[in-house]
Amino acid sequence: MDPLSAVGLVANVVQLVDAAVKAVTICHQIYTQGAAIEDSRLLYTSEHLQKSYSALSDSLMSSPVTGPKVLRGGIDLEELCSQCRDTANELQAELQSLRRSAAGGVGETTSKFFLKKRKKRTIEKLKNRLDEYQKILDSKVLINIRHELGTLESQSEEHYLKHQEQLSQLSANLASCHISVSNELTAELAKAIKANEEQHIHTRQHAEKQIERAMKDLKISQDQYRSEDRKERVSRQQYE
């Protein structure tokens, strides 16, 4: 995968995992601690989860990579995306179930409902799964993304501006995330933006020096031509 495609896909995974962590936290509070069911909070969390899910799906669909989406370290991003989306779907079902319970008036002191062992086990499994995804993102994926960003090259003014815009947008998209890997990825994006800018300045200065050198060489050639032309004319006049 090219660096920007890989980073973009990973950023979408991070956003979905972050939204799922927020969802599982709410479910955990309700099912294990007997927290009140607030429909507005459930609705907001559900919509945020769906938005992140759709963003990841769109990123997969629009990816220019037609073959396997694998990082250099052998990490299958497509499989990780699939696992994260499956978990998000399970959490979405839990959120909808809780909203239906709230609408049906099951939200008073029905501790028996909140403490159902089956529900607690389901939420614990989802939470453990999300913890595992974060470990993979924090270690293996982040290391590879750091390497991918290090290979990013802007070969022209157009490439430079496009890369800077895409990197800045990815960084902005991660601003509302709270899981640790989002902070790490944001820091790596900031480094890449700075490195890309420095590389662009260096490339531009190098190009300007080459143009300056070429202009000097051209002036020297023109001066030599004029000098030789004058000598030839003088020689011709003397001969005549």
Protein backbone atom coordinates (compact mmCIF):
# COMPACT_ATOMS: atom_id res chain seq x y z
CA MET A 1 0.00 0.00 0.00
CA ASP A 2 1.13 3.55 -0.65
CA PRO A 3 1.81 5.58 2.54
CA LEU A 4 -1.22 7.88 2.39
CA SER A 5 -3.68 5.04 1.68
CA ALA A 6 -2.27 3.04 4.60
CA VAL A 7 -2.33 5.99 7.03
CA GLY A 8 -5.84 6.98 5.96
CA LEU A 9 -7.19 3.48 6.51
CA VAL A 10 -5.49 3.16 9.90
CA ALA A 11 -6.86 6.56 10.98
CA ASN A 12 -10.39 5.34 10.14
CA VAL A 13 -9.80 2.15 12.15
CA VAL A 14 -8.62 4.23 15.11
CA GLN A 15 -11.75 6.41 14.91
CA LEU A 16 -14.03 3.37 14.83
CA VAL A 17 -12.24 1.70 17.76
CA ASP A 18 -12.46 4.95 19.72
CA ALA A 19 -16.23 5.21 19.04
CA ALA A 20 -16.65 1.54 20.00
CA VAL A 21 -14.75 2.06 23.27
CA LYS A 22 -17.12 4.90 24.16
CA ALA A 23 -20.10 2.67 23.33
CA VAL A 24 -18.84 -0.29 25.33
CA THR A 25 -18.14 2.00 28.30
CA ILE A 26 -21.76 3.14 28.36
CA CYS A 27 -23.07 -0.42 28.03
CA HIS A 28 -20.72 -1.58 30.78
CA GLN A 29 -21.92 1.17 33.11
CA ILE A 30 -25.54 0.19 32.52
CA TYR A 31 -25.21 -3.59 32.63
CA THR A 32 -22.72 -3.91 35.49
CA GLN A 33 -23.15 -0.74 37.57
CA GLY A 34 -26.87 -0.12 37.15
CA ALA A 35 -26.38 3.32 35.58
CA ALA A 36 -29.51 5.03 34.32
CA ILE A 37 -30.46 4.61 30.67
CA GLU A 38 -30.36 8.03 29.02
CA ASP A 39 -31.82 7.80 25.53
CA SER A 40 -30.18 11.02 24.31
CA ARG A 41 -26.76 9.71 25.34
CA LEU A 42 -27.42 6.33 23.74
CA LEU A 43 -28.63 8.01 20.54
CA TYR A 44 -25.54 10.24 20.32
CA THR A 45 -23.21 7.28 20.93
CA SER A 46 -25.08 5.15 18.39
CA GLU A 47 -24.90 7.86 15.71
CA HIS A 48 -21.20 8.49 16.39
CA LEU A 49 -20.49 4.75 16.11
CA GLN A 50 -22.43 4.53 12.84
CA LYS A 51 -20.62 7.56 11.42
CA SER A 52 -17.22 6.04 12.19
CA TYR A 53 -18.35 2.70 10.78
CA SER A 54 -19.49 4.34 7.53
CA ALA A 55 -16.24 6.33 7.24
CA LEU A 56 -14.19 3.13 7.49
CA SER A 57 -16.42 1.35 4.97
CA ASP A 58 -16.14 4.26 2.54
CA SER A 59 -12.35 4.30 2.98
CA LEU A 60 -12.16 0.60 2.13
CA MET A 61 -14.40 1.04 -0.92
CA SER A 62 -12.53 4.08 -2.28
CA SER A 63 -9.03 2.72 -1.60
CA PRO A 64 -6.87 2.73 -4.77
CA VAL A 65 -5.34 -0.55 -3.60
CA THR A 66 -7.08 -3.37 -5.48
CA GLY A 67 -5.12 -6.24 -3.97
CA PRO A 68 -4.63 -7.26 -0.31
CA LYS A 69 -4.34 -4.27 2.01
CA VAL A 70 -1.24 -5.41 3.87
CA LEU A 71 1.35 -3.28 5.66
CA ARG A 72 5.06 -3.92 5.21
CA GLY A 73 5.19 -5.85 8.47
CA GLY A 74 2.68 -8.37 7.13
CA ILE A 75 -0.28 -6.90 9.02
CA ASP A 76 -3.51 -7.50 7.13
CA LEU A 77 -5.38 -4.20 7.48
CA GLU A 78 -8.45 -5.55 5.70
CA GLU A 79 -8.83 -8.32 8.27
CA LEU A 80 -8.39 -5.85 11.13
CA CYS A 81 -11.03 -3.59 9.55
CA SER A 82 -13.42 -6.53 9.24
CA GLN A 83 -12.95 -7.51 12.89
CA CYS A 84 -13.48 -3.93 14.08
CA ARG A 85 -16.63 -3.55 11.98
CA ASP A 86 -18.07 -6.83 13.32
CA THR A 87 -17.48 -5.64 16.88
CA ALA A 88 -19.05 -2.27 16.08
CA ASN A 89 -22.15 -4.05 14.71
CA GLU A 90 -22.50 -6.06 17.93
CA LEU A 91 -22.21 -2.90 20.00
CA GLN A 92 -24.72 -1.12 17.81
CA ALA A 93 -27.19 -3.95 18.49
CA GLU A 94 -26.63 -3.54 22.24
CA LEU A 95 -27.20 0.21 22.03
CA GLN A 96 -30.44 -0.27 20.09
CA SER A 97 -31.59 -2.88 22.61
CA LEU A 98 -30.98 -0.43 25.45
CA ARG A 99 -32.86 2.32 23.59
CA ARG A 100 -35.85 0.01 23.15
CA SER A 101 -35.71 -0.80 26.87
CA ALA A 102 -35.69 2.92 27.70
CA ALA A 103 -38.66 3.52 25.40
CA GLY A 104 -40.54 0.65 27.06
CA GLY A 105 -39.99 2.10 30.51
CA VAL A 106 -37.61 -0.59 31.77
CA GLY A 107 -35.29 1.97 33.29
CA GLU A 108 -36.38 2.30 36.92
CA THR A 109 -34.78 0.07 39.53
CA THR A 110 -34.77 -3.14 37.58
CA SER A 111 -31.37 -4.26 38.85
CA LYS A 112 -32.16 -7.77 37.70
CA PHE A 113 -32.19 -6.51 34.11
CA PHE A 114 -28.90 -4.63 34.49
CA LEU A 115 -27.10 -7.52 36.16
CA LYS A 116 -28.00 -10.26 33.74
CA LYS A 117 -24.96 -12.49 33.51
CA ARG A 118 -25.37 -13.01 29.79
CA LYS A 119 -25.29 -9.29 29.08
CA LYS A 120 -22.33 -8.73 31.36
CA ARG A 121 -20.39 -11.53 29.66
CA THR A 122 -21.23 -10.12 26.22
CA ILE A 123 -19.99 -6.64 27.15
CA GLU A 124 -16.84 -8.03 28.79
CA LYS A 125 -16.04 -10.00 25.64
CA LEU A 126 -16.51 -6.93 23.46
CA LYS A 127 -14.41 -4.84 25.83
CA ASN A 128 -11.61 -7.42 25.79
CA ARG A 129 -11.76 -7.54 22.00
CA LEU A 130 -11.42 -3.76 21.79
CA ASP A 131 -8.48 -3.86 24.22
CA GLU A 132 -6.81 -6.35 21.87
CA TYR A 133 -7.38 -4.12 18.85
CA GLN A 134 -5.82 -1.19 20.71
CA LYS A 135 -2.75 -3.28 21.55
CA ILE A 136 -2.33 -4.21 17.88
CA LEU A 137 -2.74 -0.57 16.83
CA ASP A 138 -0.43 0.70 19.58
CA SER A 139 2.38 -1.67 18.71
CA LYS A 140 2.52 -3.41 15.33
CA VAL A 141 0.42 -1.04 13.26
CA LEU A 142 1.90 2.20 14.63
CA ILE A 143 5.46 1.00 14.00
CA ASN A 144 4.59 0.25 10.38
CA ILE A 145 2.77 3.54 9.91
CA ARG A 146 5.79 5.41 11.27
CA HIS A 147 7.87 3.69 8.59
CA GLU A 148 5.26 4.38 5.87
CA LEU A 149 5.21 8.10 6.71
CA GLY A 150 9.01 8.12 6.54
CA THR A 151 8.84 7.04 2.88
CA LEU A 152 6.42 9.78 1.87
CA GLU A 153 7.87 11.98 -0.87
CA SER A 154 6.40 15.07 -2.50
CA GLN A 155 7.97 15.19 -5.95
CA SER A 156 6.24 18.37 -7.11
CA GLU A 157 4.45 21.46 -5.78
CA GLU A 158 1.12 19.76 -6.56
CA HIS A 159 2.11 16.59 -4.68
CA TYR A 160 3.35 18.64 -1.73
CA LEU A 161 0.13 20.61 -1.36
CA LYS A 162 -2.00 17.47 -1.75
CA HIS A 163 0.01 15.55 0.85
CA GLN A 164 -0.07 18.41 3.34
CA GLU A 165 -3.84 18.77 2.94
CA GLN A 166 -4.48 15.05 3.39
CA LEU A 167 -2.18 14.71 6.40
CA SER A 168 -3.72 17.78 8.07
CA GLN A 169 -7.24 16.46 7.49
CA LEU A 170 -6.37 13.07 9.00
CA SER A 171 -4.92 14.84 12.04
CA ALA A 172 -8.08 16.95 12.42
CA ASN A 173 -10.29 13.84 12.18
CA LEU A 174 -8.45 12.29 15.13
CA ALA A 175 -8.85 15.36 17.35
CA SER A 176 -11.98 14.05 19.09
CA CYS A 177 -10.51 10.58 19.79
CA HIS A 178 -9.33 9.69 23.29
CA ILE A 179 -7.67 6.27 23.02
CA SER A 180 -3.87 6.38 23.40
CA VAL A 181 -3.06 5.30 19.85
CA SER A 182 -4.91 8.33 18.46
CA ASN A 183 -2.48 10.63 20.29
CA GLU A 184 0.49 8.64 18.99
CA LEU A 185 -0.83 8.69 15.43
CA THR A 186 -1.55 12.44 15.63
CA ALA A 187 2.04 13.02 16.76
CA GLU A 188 3.36 10.94 13.84
CA LEU A 189 1.19 12.92 11.42
CA ALA A 190 2.56 16.19 12.83
CA LYS A 191 6.12 14.90 12.29
CA ALA A 192 5.27 13.88 8.73
CA ILE A 193 3.76 17.30 7.97
CA LYS A 194 6.90 19.03 9.27
CA ALA A 195 9.25 16.62 7.45
CA ASN A 196 7.29 17.02 4.22
CA GLU A 197 7.53 20.80 4.52
CA GLU A 198 11.28 20.68 5.20
CA GLN A 199 11.80 18.31 2.29
CA HIS A 200 9.80 20.59 0.02
CA ILE A 201 11.85 23.64 1.06
CA HIS A 202 15.09 21.72 0.53
CA THR A 203 13.94 20.46 -2.88
CA ARG A 204 12.85 23.95 -3.92
CA GLN A 205 16.14 25.49 -2.77
CA HIS A 206 18.06 22.79 -4.63
CA ALA A 207 16.02 23.48 -7.78
CA GLU A 208 16.59 27.23 -7.42
CA LYS A 209 20.37 26.67 -7.10
CA GLN A 210 20.35 24.49 -10.19
CA ILE A 211 18.46 27.18 -12.13
CA GLU A 212 20.86 29.84 -10.84
CA ARG A 213 23.85 27.70 -11.84
CA ALA A 214 22.36 27.06 -15.27
CA MET A 215 21.76 30.79 -15.76
CA LYS A 216 25.36 31.54 -14.81
CA ASP A 217 26.62 28.89 -17.22
CA LEU A 218 24.42 30.35 -19.94
CA LYS A 219 25.75 33.87 -19.28
CA ILE A 220 29.34 32.59 -19.40
CA SER A 221 28.62 30.84 -22.69
CA GLN A 222 27.03 33.99 -24.11
CA ASP A 223 29.99 36.13 -22.98
CA GLN A 224 32.45 33.67 -24.51
CA TYR A 225 30.47 33.67 -27.75
CA ARG A 226 30.46 37.47 -27.91
CA SER A 227 34.19 37.60 -27.14
CA GLU A 228 35.02 35.09 -29.85
CA ASP A 229 32.70 36.85 -32.26
CA ARG A 230 34.45 40.18 -31.63
CA LYS A 231 37.86 38.56 -32.12
CA GLU A 232 36.72 37.01 -35.36
CA ARG A 233 35.39 40.33 -36.68
CA VAL A 234 38.65 42.12 -35.74
CA SER A 235 40.67 39.40 -37.43
CA ARG A 236 38.53 39.66 -40.54
CA GLN A 237 38.95 43.43 -40.68
CA GLN A 238 42.73 43.15 -40.37
CA TYR A 239 42.83 40.60 -43.14
CA GLU A 240 40.78 42.81 -45.42
